[in-house]
């Protein structure tokens, strides 16, 4: 898998609020977008009770816990590290 493919997949596992790698991922049951629990909790309590992506009414208790997302992001980190190491090795060989 090339570096661009890994990065494309990694984009899916970024929080759409903070744009960082997901932490304690939650999924909106209306639009299926993933975000960090702390980000969506802050949004719902400090901004408005709706999904910041699809604008559907949303309560904290409706969010879906995505425990598997952490495993995927860890595997992506490993792939990105392997890709970077391989790229550096190729540069050294030139």
PDB file of N, CA and C in Angstrom:
ATOM      1  N   UNK A   1       0.858  -1.176   0.000  1.00  0.00           N
ATOM      2  CA  UNK A   1       0.000   0.000   0.000  1.00  0.00           C
ATOM      3  C   UNK A   1       0.900   1.234   0.000  1.00  0.00           C
ATOM      4  N   UNK A   2       0.634   2.168  -0.903  1.00  0.00           N
ATOM      5  CA  UNK A   2       1.486   3.342  -0.989  1.00  0.00           C
ATOM      6  C   UNK A   2       1.087   4.401   0.040  1.00  0.00           C
ATOM      7  N   UNK A   3       1.975   5.366   0.195  1.00  0.00           N
ATOM      8  CA  UNK A   3       1.801   6.419   1.205  1.00  0.00           C
ATOM      9  C   UNK A   3       0.517   7.223   0.991  1.00  0.00           C
ATOM     10  N   UNK A   4       0.181   7.504  -0.264  1.00  0.00           N
ATOM     11  CA  UNK A   4      -1.019   8.287  -0.572  1.00  0.00           C
ATOM     12  C   UNK A   4      -2.287   7.516  -0.202  1.00  0.00           C
ATOM     13  N   UNK A   5      -2.298   6.217  -0.431  1.00  0.00           N
ATOM     14  CA  UNK A   5      -3.462   5.390  -0.077  1.00  0.00           C
ATOM     15  C   UNK A   5      -3.668   5.361   1.434  1.00  0.00           C
ATOM     16  N   UNK A   6      -2.586   5.205   2.164  1.00  0.00           N
ATOM     17  CA  UNK A   6      -2.669   5.185   3.626  1.00  0.00           C
ATOM     18  C   UNK A   6      -3.184   6.519   4.135  1.00  0.00           C
ATOM     19  N   UNK A   7      -2.700   7.620   3.566  1.00  0.00           N
ATOM     20  CA  UNK A   7      -3.143   8.948   3.993  1.00  0.00           C
ATOM     21  C   UNK A   7      -4.619   9.160   3.671  1.00  0.00           C
ATOM     22  N   UNK A   8      -5.074   8.661   2.533  1.00  0.00           N
ATOM     23  CA  UNK A   8      -6.490   8.771   2.170  1.00  0.00           C
ATOM     24  C   UNK A   8      -7.375   8.044   3.175  1.00  0.00           C
ATOM     25  N   UNK A   9      -6.944   6.879   3.585  1.00  0.00           N
ATOM     26  CA  UNK A   9      -7.700   6.115   4.586  1.00  0.00           C
ATOM     27  C   UNK A   9      -7.651   6.832   5.931  1.00  0.00           C
ATOM     28  N   UNK A  10      -6.496   7.376   6.278  1.00  0.00           N
ATOM     29  CA  UNK A  10      -6.338   8.081   7.554  1.00  0.00           C
ATOM     30  C   UNK A  10      -7.282   9.270   7.653  1.00  0.00           C
ATOM     31  N   UNK A  11      -7.586   9.921   6.526  1.00  0.00           N
ATOM     32  CA  UNK A  11      -8.506  11.062   6.520  1.00  0.00           C
ATOM     33  C   UNK A  11      -9.884  10.683   7.058  1.00  0.00           C
ATOM     34  N   UNK A  12     -10.317   9.473   6.772  1.00  0.00           N
ATOM     35  CA  UNK A  12     -11.626   8.996   7.248  1.00  0.00           C
ATOM     36  C   UNK A  12     -11.634   8.916   8.768  1.00  0.00           C
ATOM     37  N   UNK A  13     -10.466   8.681   9.358  1.00  0.00           N
ATOM     38  CA  UNK A  13     -10.363   8.509  10.795  1.00  0.00           C
ATOM     39  C   UNK A  13      -9.831   9.757  11.493  1.00  0.00           C
ATOM     40  N   UNK A  14     -10.132  10.912  10.932  1.00  0.00           N
ATOM     41  CA  UNK A  14      -9.859  12.201  11.572  1.00  0.00           C
ATOM     42  C   UNK A  14     -11.184  12.779  12.049  1.00  0.00           C
ATOM     43  N   UNK A  15     -11.129  13.414  13.190  1.00  0.00           N
ATOM     44  CA  UNK A  15     -12.309  14.083  13.735  1.00  0.00           C
ATOM     45  C   UNK A  15     -12.679  15.245  12.819  1.00  0.00           C
ATOM     46  N   UNK A  16     -13.929  15.341  12.432  1.00  0.00           N
ATOM     47  CA  UNK A  16     -14.340  16.433  11.539  1.00  0.00           C
ATOM     48  C   UNK A  16     -14.477  17.759  12.279  1.00  0.00           C
ATOM     49  N   UNK A  17     -14.321  17.730  13.601  1.00  0.00           N
ATOM     50  CA  UNK A  17     -14.383  18.974  14.382  1.00  0.00           C
ATOM     51  C   UNK A  17     -12.974  19.539  14.596  1.00  0.00           C
ATOM     52  N   UNK A  18     -12.069  18.736  15.173  1.00  0.00           N
ATOM     53  CA  UNK A  18     -10.713  19.230  15.456  1.00  0.00           C
ATOM     54  C   UNK A  18      -9.708  18.894  14.355  1.00  0.00           C
ATOM     55  N   UNK A  19     -10.100  18.015  13.420  1.00  0.00           N
ATOM     56  CA  UNK A  19      -9.254  17.592  12.307  1.00  0.00           C
ATOM     57  C   UNK A  19      -8.002  16.822  12.739  1.00  0.00           C
ATOM     58  N   UNK A  20      -8.015  16.300  13.948  1.00  0.00           N
ATOM     59  CA  UNK A  20      -6.908  15.484  14.448  1.00  0.00           C
ATOM     60  C   UNK A  20      -7.313  14.018  14.403  1.00  0.00           C
ATOM     61  N   UNK A  21      -6.355  13.143  14.687  1.00  0.00           N
ATOM     62  CA  UNK A  21      -6.653  11.723  14.761  1.00  0.00           C
ATOM     63  C   UNK A  21      -7.710  11.497  15.842  1.00  0.00           C
ATOM     64  N   UNK A  22      -8.668  10.628  15.551  1.00  0.00           N
ATOM     65  CA  UNK A  22      -9.767  10.369  16.490  1.00  0.00           C
ATOM     66  C   UNK A  22      -9.264   9.893  17.844  1.00  0.00           C
ATOM     67  N   UNK A  23      -9.890  10.423  18.892  1.00  0.00           N
ATOM     68  CA  UNK A  23      -9.648   9.986  20.269  1.00  0.00           C
ATOM     69  C   UNK A  23     -11.006   9.680  20.885  1.00  0.00           C
ATOM     70  N   UNK A  24     -11.171   8.466  21.358  1.00  0.00           N
ATOM     71  CA  UNK A  24     -12.450   8.054  21.963  1.00  0.00           C
ATOM     72  C   UNK A  24     -13.590   8.351  20.979  1.00  0.00           C
ATOM     73  N   UNK A  25     -13.519   7.721  19.826  1.00  0.00           N
ATOM     74  CA  UNK A  25     -14.397   8.035  18.689  1.00  0.00           C
ATOM     75  C   UNK A  25     -15.878   7.795  18.970  1.00  0.00           C
ATOM     76  N   UNK A  26     -16.674   8.713  18.450  1.00  0.00           N
ATOM     77  CA  UNK A  26     -18.136   8.590  18.480  1.00  0.00           C
ATOM     78  C   UNK A  26     -18.655   8.844  17.080  1.00  0.00           C
ATOM     79  N   UNK A  27     -19.792   8.238  16.776  1.00  0.00           N
ATOM     80  CA  UNK A  27     -20.400   8.335  15.454  1.00  0.00           C
ATOM     81  C   UNK A  27     -21.777   8.966  15.579  1.00  0.00           C
ATOM     82  N   UNK A  28     -22.069   9.916  14.699  1.00  0.00           N
ATOM     83  CA  UNK A  28     -23.403  10.503  14.654  1.00  0.00           C
ATOM     84  C   UNK A  28     -24.334   9.468  14.027  1.00  0.00           C
ATOM     85  N   UNK A  29     -25.441   9.134  14.673  1.00  0.00           N
ATOM     86  CA  UNK A  29     -26.347   8.128  14.124  1.00  0.00           C
ATOM     87  C   UNK A  29     -27.112   8.609  12.888  1.00  0.00           C
ATOM     88  N   UNK A  30     -27.042   9.890  12.596  1.00  0.00           N
ATOM     89  CA  UNK A  30     -27.769  10.451  11.451  1.00  0.00           C
ATOM     90  C   UNK A  30     -26.923  10.478  10.179  1.00  0.00           C
ATOM     91  N   UNK A  31     -25.667  10.914  10.292  1.00  0.00           N
ATOM     92  CA  UNK A  31     -24.820  11.050   9.096  1.00  0.00           C
ATOM     93  C   UNK A  31     -23.623  10.100   9.090  1.00  0.00           C
ATOM     94  N   UNK A  32     -23.408   9.401  10.193  1.00  0.00           N
ATOM     95  CA  UNK A  32     -22.317   8.423  10.328  1.00  0.00           C
ATOM     96  C   UNK A  32     -20.920   9.038  10.324  1.00  0.00           C
ATOM     97  N   UNK A  33     -20.805  10.335  10.549  1.00  0.00           N
ATOM     98  CA  UNK A  33     -19.489  10.959  10.642  1.00  0.00           C
ATOM     99  C   UNK A  33     -18.886  10.662  12.005  1.00  0.00           C
ATOM    100  N   UNK A  34     -17.555  10.472  12.018  1.00  0.00           N
ATOM    101  CA  UNK A  34     -16.819  10.181  13.240  1.00  0.00           C
ATOM    102  C   UNK A  34     -16.212  11.453  13.820  1.00  0.00           C
ATOM    103  N   UNK A  35     -16.178  11.511  15.155  1.00  0.00           N
ATOM    104  CA  UNK A  35     -15.527  12.634  15.829  1.00  0.00           C
ATOM    105  C   UNK A  35     -15.041  12.175  17.196  1.00  0.00           C
ATOM    106  N   UNK A  36     -14.189  12.971  17.792  1.00  0.00           N
ATOM    107  CA  UNK A  36     -13.713  12.699  19.152  1.00  0.00           C
ATOM    108  C   UNK A  36     -14.864  12.943  20.130  1.00  0.00           C
ATOM    109  N   UNK A  37     -14.937  12.122  21.158  1.00  0.00           N
ATOM    110  CA  UNK A  37     -15.991  12.311  22.145  1.00  0.00           C
ATOM    111  C   UNK A  37     -15.880  13.674  22.810  1.00  0.00           C
ATOM    112  N   UNK A  38     -14.665  14.087  23.166  1.00  0.00           N
ATOM    113  CA  UNK A  38     -14.510  15.389  23.829  1.00  0.00           C
ATOM    114  C   UNK A  38     -14.939  16.535  22.915  1.00  0.00           C
ATOM    115  N   UNK A  39     -14.664  16.429  21.628  1.00  0.00           N
ATOM    116  CA  UNK A  39     -15.059  17.485  20.676  1.00  0.00           C
ATOM    117  C   UNK A  39     -16.579  17.580  20.550  1.00  0.00           C
ATOM    118  N   UNK A  40     -17.234  16.442  20.358  1.00  0.00           N
ATOM    119  CA  UNK A  40     -18.691  16.472  20.162  1.00  0.00           C
ATOM    120  C   UNK A  40     -19.405  16.819  21.461  1.00  0.00           C
ATOM    121  N   UNK A  41     -18.857  16.376  22.595  1.00  0.00           N
ATOM    122  CA  UNK A  41     -19.462  16.736  23.882  1.00  0.00           C
ATOM    123  C   UNK A  41     -19.403  18.246  24.083  1.00  0.00           C
ATOM    124  N   UNK A  42     -18.248  18.828  23.787  1.00  0.00           N
ATOM    125  CA  UNK A  42     -18.091  20.282  23.913  1.00  0.00           C
ATOM    126  C   UNK A  42     -19.064  21.001  22.972  1.00  0.00           C
ATOM    127  N   UNK A  43     -19.157  20.529  21.730  1.00  0.00           N
ATOM    128  CA  UNK A  43     -20.065  21.149  20.761  1.00  0.00           C
ATOM    129  C   UNK A  43     -21.512  21.096  21.254  1.00  0.00           C
ATOM    130  N   UNK A  44     -21.949  19.923  21.678  1.00  0.00           N
ATOM    131  CA  UNK A  44     -23.350  19.747  22.084  1.00  0.00           C
ATOM    132  C   UNK A  44     -23.703  20.505  23.359  1.00  0.00           C
ATOM    133  N   UNK A  45     -22.738  20.699  24.248  1.00  0.00           N
ATOM    134  CA  UNK A  45     -23.025  21.393  25.506  1.00  0.00           C
ATOM    135  C   UNK A  45     -22.785  22.906  25.414  1.00  0.00           C
ATOM    136  N   UNK A  46     -21.831  23.325  24.576  1.00  0.00           N
ATOM    137  CA  UNK A  46     -21.502  24.755  24.508  1.00  0.00           C
ATOM    138  C   UNK A  46     -22.076  25.463  23.285  1.00  0.00           C
ATOM    139  N   UNK A  47     -22.361  24.736  22.231  1.00  0.00           N
ATOM    140  CA  UNK A  47     -22.852  25.366  20.997  1.00  0.00           C
ATOM    141  C   UNK A  47     -24.348  25.119  20.822  1.00  0.00           C
ATOM    142  N   UNK A  48     -24.691  23.962  20.257  1.00  0.00           N
ATOM    143  CA  UNK A  48     -26.110  23.634  20.056  1.00  0.00           C
ATOM    144  C   UNK A  48     -26.297  22.127  20.014  1.00  0.00           C
ATOM    145  N   UNK A  49     -27.506  21.703  20.294  1.00  0.00           N
ATOM    146  CA  UNK A  49     -27.832  20.271  20.361  1.00  0.00           C
ATOM    147  C   UNK A  49     -28.164  19.722  18.983  1.00  0.00           C
ATOM    148  N   UNK A  50     -27.172  19.844  18.091  1.00  0.00           N
ATOM    149  CA  UNK A  50     -27.325  19.267  16.765  1.00  0.00           C
ATOM    150  C   UNK A  50     -25.941  18.880  16.243  1.00  0.00           C
ATOM    151  N   UNK A  51     -25.929  17.919  15.340  1.00  0.00           N
ATOM    152  CA  UNK A  51     -24.668  17.487  14.744  1.00  0.00           C
ATOM    153  C   UNK A  51     -24.057  18.656  13.970  1.00  0.00           C
ATOM    154  N   UNK A  52     -22.781  18.958  14.216  1.00  0.00           N
ATOM    155  CA  UNK A  52     -22.163  20.067  13.488  1.00  0.00           C
ATOM    156  C   UNK A  52     -21.939  19.756  12.003  1.00  0.00           C
ATOM    157  N   UNK A  53     -22.080  18.499  11.619  1.00  0.00           N
ATOM    158  CA  UNK A  53     -21.905  18.136  10.209  1.00  0.00           C
ATOM    159  C   UNK A  53     -23.234  18.136   9.452  1.00  0.00           C
ATOM    160  N   UNK A  54     -24.215  17.346   9.945  1.00  0.00           N
ATOM    161  CA  UNK A  54     -25.482  17.212   9.201  1.00  0.00           C
ATOM    162  C   UNK A  54     -26.611  18.087   9.761  1.00  0.00           C
ATOM    163  N   UNK A  55     -26.371  18.710  10.916  1.00  0.00           N
ATOM    164  CA  UNK A  55     -27.335  19.610  11.570  1.00  0.00           C
ATOM    165  C   UNK A  55     -28.585  18.918  12.119  1.00  0.00           C
ATOM    166  N   UNK A  56     -28.579  17.591  12.165  1.00  0.00           N
ATOM    167  CA  UNK A  56     -29.711  16.863  12.744  1.00  0.00           C
ATOM    168  C   UNK A  56     -29.712  17.066  14.259  1.00  0.00           C
ATOM    169  N   UNK A  57     -30.883  17.149  14.893  1.00  0.00           N
ATOM    170  CA  UNK A  57     -30.934  17.233  16.350  1.00  0.00           C
ATOM    171  C   UNK A  57     -30.169  16.047  16.953  1.00  0.00           C
ATOM    172  N   UNK A  58     -29.376  16.310  17.995  1.00  0.00           N
ATOM    173  CA  UNK A  58     -28.507  15.268  18.538  1.00  0.00           C
ATOM    174  C   UNK A  58     -28.283  15.468  20.031  1.00  0.00           C
ATOM    175  N   UNK A  59     -28.361  14.384  20.772  1.00  0.00           N
ATOM    176  CA  UNK A  59     -28.074  14.373  22.209  1.00  0.00           C
ATOM    177  C   UNK A  59     -26.881  13.453  22.457  1.00  0.00           C
ATOM    178  N   UNK A  60     -26.130  13.696  23.512  1.00  0.00           N
ATOM    179  CA  UNK A  60     -24.964  12.877  23.830  1.00  0.00           C
ATOM    180  C   UNK A  60     -25.299  11.389  23.892  1.00  0.00           C
ATOM    181  N   UNK A  61     -26.432  11.061  24.470  1.00  0.00           N
ATOM    182  CA  UNK A  61     -26.805   9.653  24.648  1.00  0.00           C
ATOM    183  C   UNK A  61     -27.065   8.937  23.321  1.00  0.00           C
ATOM    184  N   UNK A  62     -27.266   9.694  22.245  1.00  0.00           N
ATOM    185  CA  UNK A  62     -27.515   9.095  20.931  1.00  0.00           C
ATOM    186  C   UNK A  62     -26.238   8.697  20.195  1.00  0.00           C
ATOM    187  N   UNK A  63     -25.105   9.261  20.592  1.00  0.00           N
ATOM    188  CA  UNK A  63     -23.847   8.982  19.911  1.00  0.00           C
ATOM    189  C   UNK A  63     -23.471   7.512  20.035  1.00  0.00           C
ATOM    190  N   UNK A  64     -22.905   6.964  18.980  1.00  0.00           N
ATOM    191  CA  UNK A  64     -22.498   5.565  18.958  1.00  0.00           C
ATOM    192  C   UNK A  64     -21.006   5.492  19.273  1.00  0.00           C
ATOM    193  N   UNK A  65     -20.659   4.689  20.290  1.00  0.00           N
ATOM    194  CA  UNK A  65     -19.266   4.493  20.669  1.00  0.00           C
ATOM    195  C   UNK A  65     -18.602   3.587  19.637  1.00  0.00           C
ATOM    196  N   UNK A  66     -17.511   4.047  19.050  1.00  0.00           N
ATOM    197  CA  UNK A  66     -16.801   3.279  18.014  1.00  0.00           C
ATOM    198  C   UNK A  66     -15.464   2.792  18.555  1.00  0.00           C
ATOM    199  N   UNK A  67     -15.517   1.768  19.377  1.00  0.00           N
ATOM    200  CA  UNK A  67     -14.294   1.234  19.980  1.00  0.00           C
ATOM    201  C   UNK A  67     -13.316   0.727  18.930  1.00  0.00           C
ATOM    202  N   UNK A  68     -13.814   0.226  17.820  1.00  0.00           N
ATOM    203  CA  UNK A  68     -12.966  -0.319  16.760  1.00  0.00           C
ATOM    204  C   UNK A  68     -12.134   0.760  16.071  1.00  0.00           C
ATOM    205  N   UNK A  69     -12.567   1.998  16.109  1.00  0.00           N
ATOM    206  CA  UNK A  69     -11.858   3.075  15.412  1.00  0.00           C
ATOM    207  C   UNK A  69     -10.447   3.256  15.961  1.00  0.00           C
ATOM    208  N   UNK A  70     -10.260   3.060  17.261  1.00  0.00           N
ATOM    209  CA  UNK A  70      -8.927   3.193  17.851  1.00  0.00           C
ATOM    210  C   UNK A  70      -7.989   2.121  17.294  1.00  0.00           C
ATOM    211  N   UNK A  71      -8.501   0.905  17.134  1.00  0.00           N
ATOM    212  CA  UNK A  71      -7.687  -0.171  16.570  1.00  0.00           C
ATOM    213  C   UNK A  71      -7.276   0.154  15.131  1.00  0.00           C
ATOM    214  N   UNK A  72      -8.201   0.689  14.358  1.00  0.00           N
ATOM    215  CA  UNK A  72      -7.900   1.049  12.965  1.00  0.00           C
ATOM    216  C   UNK A  72      -6.862   2.166  12.930  1.00  0.00           C
ATOM    217  N   UNK A  73      -7.008   3.178  13.769  1.00  0.00           N
ATOM    218  CA  UNK A  73      -6.049   4.293  13.750  1.00  0.00           C
ATOM    219  C   UNK A  73      -4.662   3.819  14.187  1.00  0.00           C
ATOM    220  N   UNK A  74      -4.602   2.864  15.113  1.00  0.00           N
ATOM    221  CA  UNK A  74      -3.305   2.318  15.513  1.00  0.00           C
ATOM    222  C   UNK A  74      -2.649   1.578  14.344  1.00  0.00           C
ATOM    223  N   UNK A  75      -3.445   0.816  13.605  1.00  0.00           N
ATOM    224  CA  UNK A  75      -2.910   0.111  12.438  1.00  0.00           C
ATOM    225  C   UNK A  75      -2.466   1.109  11.357  1.00  0.00           C
ATOM    226  N   UNK A  76      -3.217   2.173  11.168  1.00  0.00           N
ATOM    227  CA  UNK A  76      -2.829   3.204  10.202  1.00  0.00           C
ATOM    228  C   UNK A  76      -1.518   3.871  10.612  1.00  0.00           C
ATOM    229  N   UNK A  77      -1.364   4.135  11.903  1.00  0.00           N
ATOM    230  CA  UNK A  77      -0.110   4.711  12.397  1.00  0.00           C
ATOM    231  C   UNK A  77       1.056   3.801  12.056  1.00  0.00           C
ATOM    232  N   UNK A  78       0.868   2.499  12.242  1.00  0.00           N
ATOM    233  CA  UNK A  78       1.911   1.526  11.934  1.00  0.00           C
ATOM    234  C   UNK A  78       2.235   1.536  10.442  1.00  0.00           C
ATOM    235  N   UNK A  79       1.194   1.546   9.600  1.00  0.00           N
ATOM    236  CA  UNK A  79       1.412   1.604   8.153  1.00  0.00           C
ATOM    237  C   UNK A  79       2.138   2.882   7.738  1.00  0.00           C
ATOM    238  N   UNK A  80       1.755   4.010   8.326  1.00  0.00           N
ATOM    239  CA  UNK A  80       2.392   5.282   7.988  1.00  0.00           C
ATOM    240  C   UNK A  80       3.856   5.275   8.418  1.00  0.00           C
ATOM    241  N   UNK A  81       4.143   4.704   9.577  1.00  0.00           N
ATOM    242  CA  UNK A  81       5.512   4.619  10.066  1.00  0.00           C
ATOM    243  C   UNK A  81       6.346   3.717   9.155  1.00  0.00           C
ATOM    244  N   UNK A  82       5.777   2.579   8.748  1.00  0.00           N
ATOM    245  CA  UNK A  82       6.475   1.667   7.836  1.00  0.00           C
ATOM    246  C   UNK A  82       6.745   2.343   6.495  1.00  0.00           C
ATOM    247  N   UNK A  83       5.765   3.073   5.999  1.00  0.00           N
ATOM    248  CA  UNK A  83       5.898   3.772   4.728  1.00  0.00           C
ATOM    249  C   UNK A  83       6.984   4.841   4.817  1.00  0.00           C
ATOM    250  N   UNK A  84       7.002   5.579   5.913  1.00  0.00           N
ATOM    251  CA  UNK A  84       8.006   6.620   6.108  1.00  0.00           C
ATOM    252  C   UNK A  84       9.400   6.003   6.198  1.00  0.00           C
ATOM    253  N   UNK A  85       9.532   4.921   6.937  1.00  0.00           N
ATOM    254  CA  UNK A  85      10.819   4.240   7.092  1.00  0.00           C
ATOM    255  C   UNK A  85      11.303   3.716   5.747  1.00  0.00           C
ATOM    256  N   UNK A  86      10.395   3.133   4.982  1.00  0.00           N
ATOM    257  CA  UNK A  86      10.743   2.613   3.661  1.00  0.00           C
ATOM    258  C   UNK A  86      11.194   3.745   2.739  1.00  0.00           C
ATOM    259  N   UNK A  87      10.493   4.873   2.805  1.00  0.00           N
ATOM    260  CA  UNK A  87      10.837   6.036   1.987  1.00  0.00           C
ATOM    261  C   UNK A  87      12.229   6.552   2.357  1.00  0.00           C
ATOM    262  N   UNK A  88      12.529   6.628   3.654  1.00  0.00           N
ATOM    263  CA  UNK A  88      13.843   7.096   4.116  1.00  0.00           C
ATOM    264  C   UNK A  88      14.941   6.129   3.679  1.00  0.00           C
ATOM    265  N   UNK A  89      14.659   4.815   3.748  1.00  0.00           N
ATOM    266  CA  UNK A  89      15.637   3.821   3.314  1.00  0.00           C
ATOM    267  C   UNK A  89      15.931   3.964   1.828  1.00  0.00           C
ATOM    268  N   UNK A  90      14.893   4.200   1.036  1.00  0.00           N
ATOM    269  CA  UNK A  90      15.071   4.385  -0.410  1.00  0.00           C
ATOM    270  C   UNK A  90      15.913   5.632  -0.707  1.00  0.00           C
ATOM    271  N   UNK A  91      15.679   6.711   0.052  1.00  0.00           N
ATOM    272  CA  UNK A  91      16.444   7.947  -0.139  1.00  0.00           C
ATOM    273  C   UNK A  91      17.926   7.727   0.201  1.00  0.00           C
ATOM    274  N   UNK A  92      18.187   6.929   1.235  1.00  0.00           N
ATOM    275  CA  UNK A  92      19.541   6.653   1.650  1.00  0.00           C
ATOM    276  C   UNK A  92      20.287   5.812   0.609  1.00  0.00           C
ATOM    277  N   UNK A  93      19.554   4.932  -0.059  1.00  0.00           N
ATOM    278  CA  UNK A  93      20.157   4.054  -1.053  1.00  0.00           C
ATOM    279  C   UNK A  93      20.543   4.787  -2.338  1.00  0.00           C
ATOM    280  N   UNK A  94      20.004   5.979  -2.533  1.00  0.00           N
ATOM    281  CA  UNK A  94      20.274   6.720  -3.788  1.00  0.00           C
ATOM    282  C   UNK A  94      21.615   7.388  -3.759  1.00  0.00           C
TER     283      UNK A  94
END
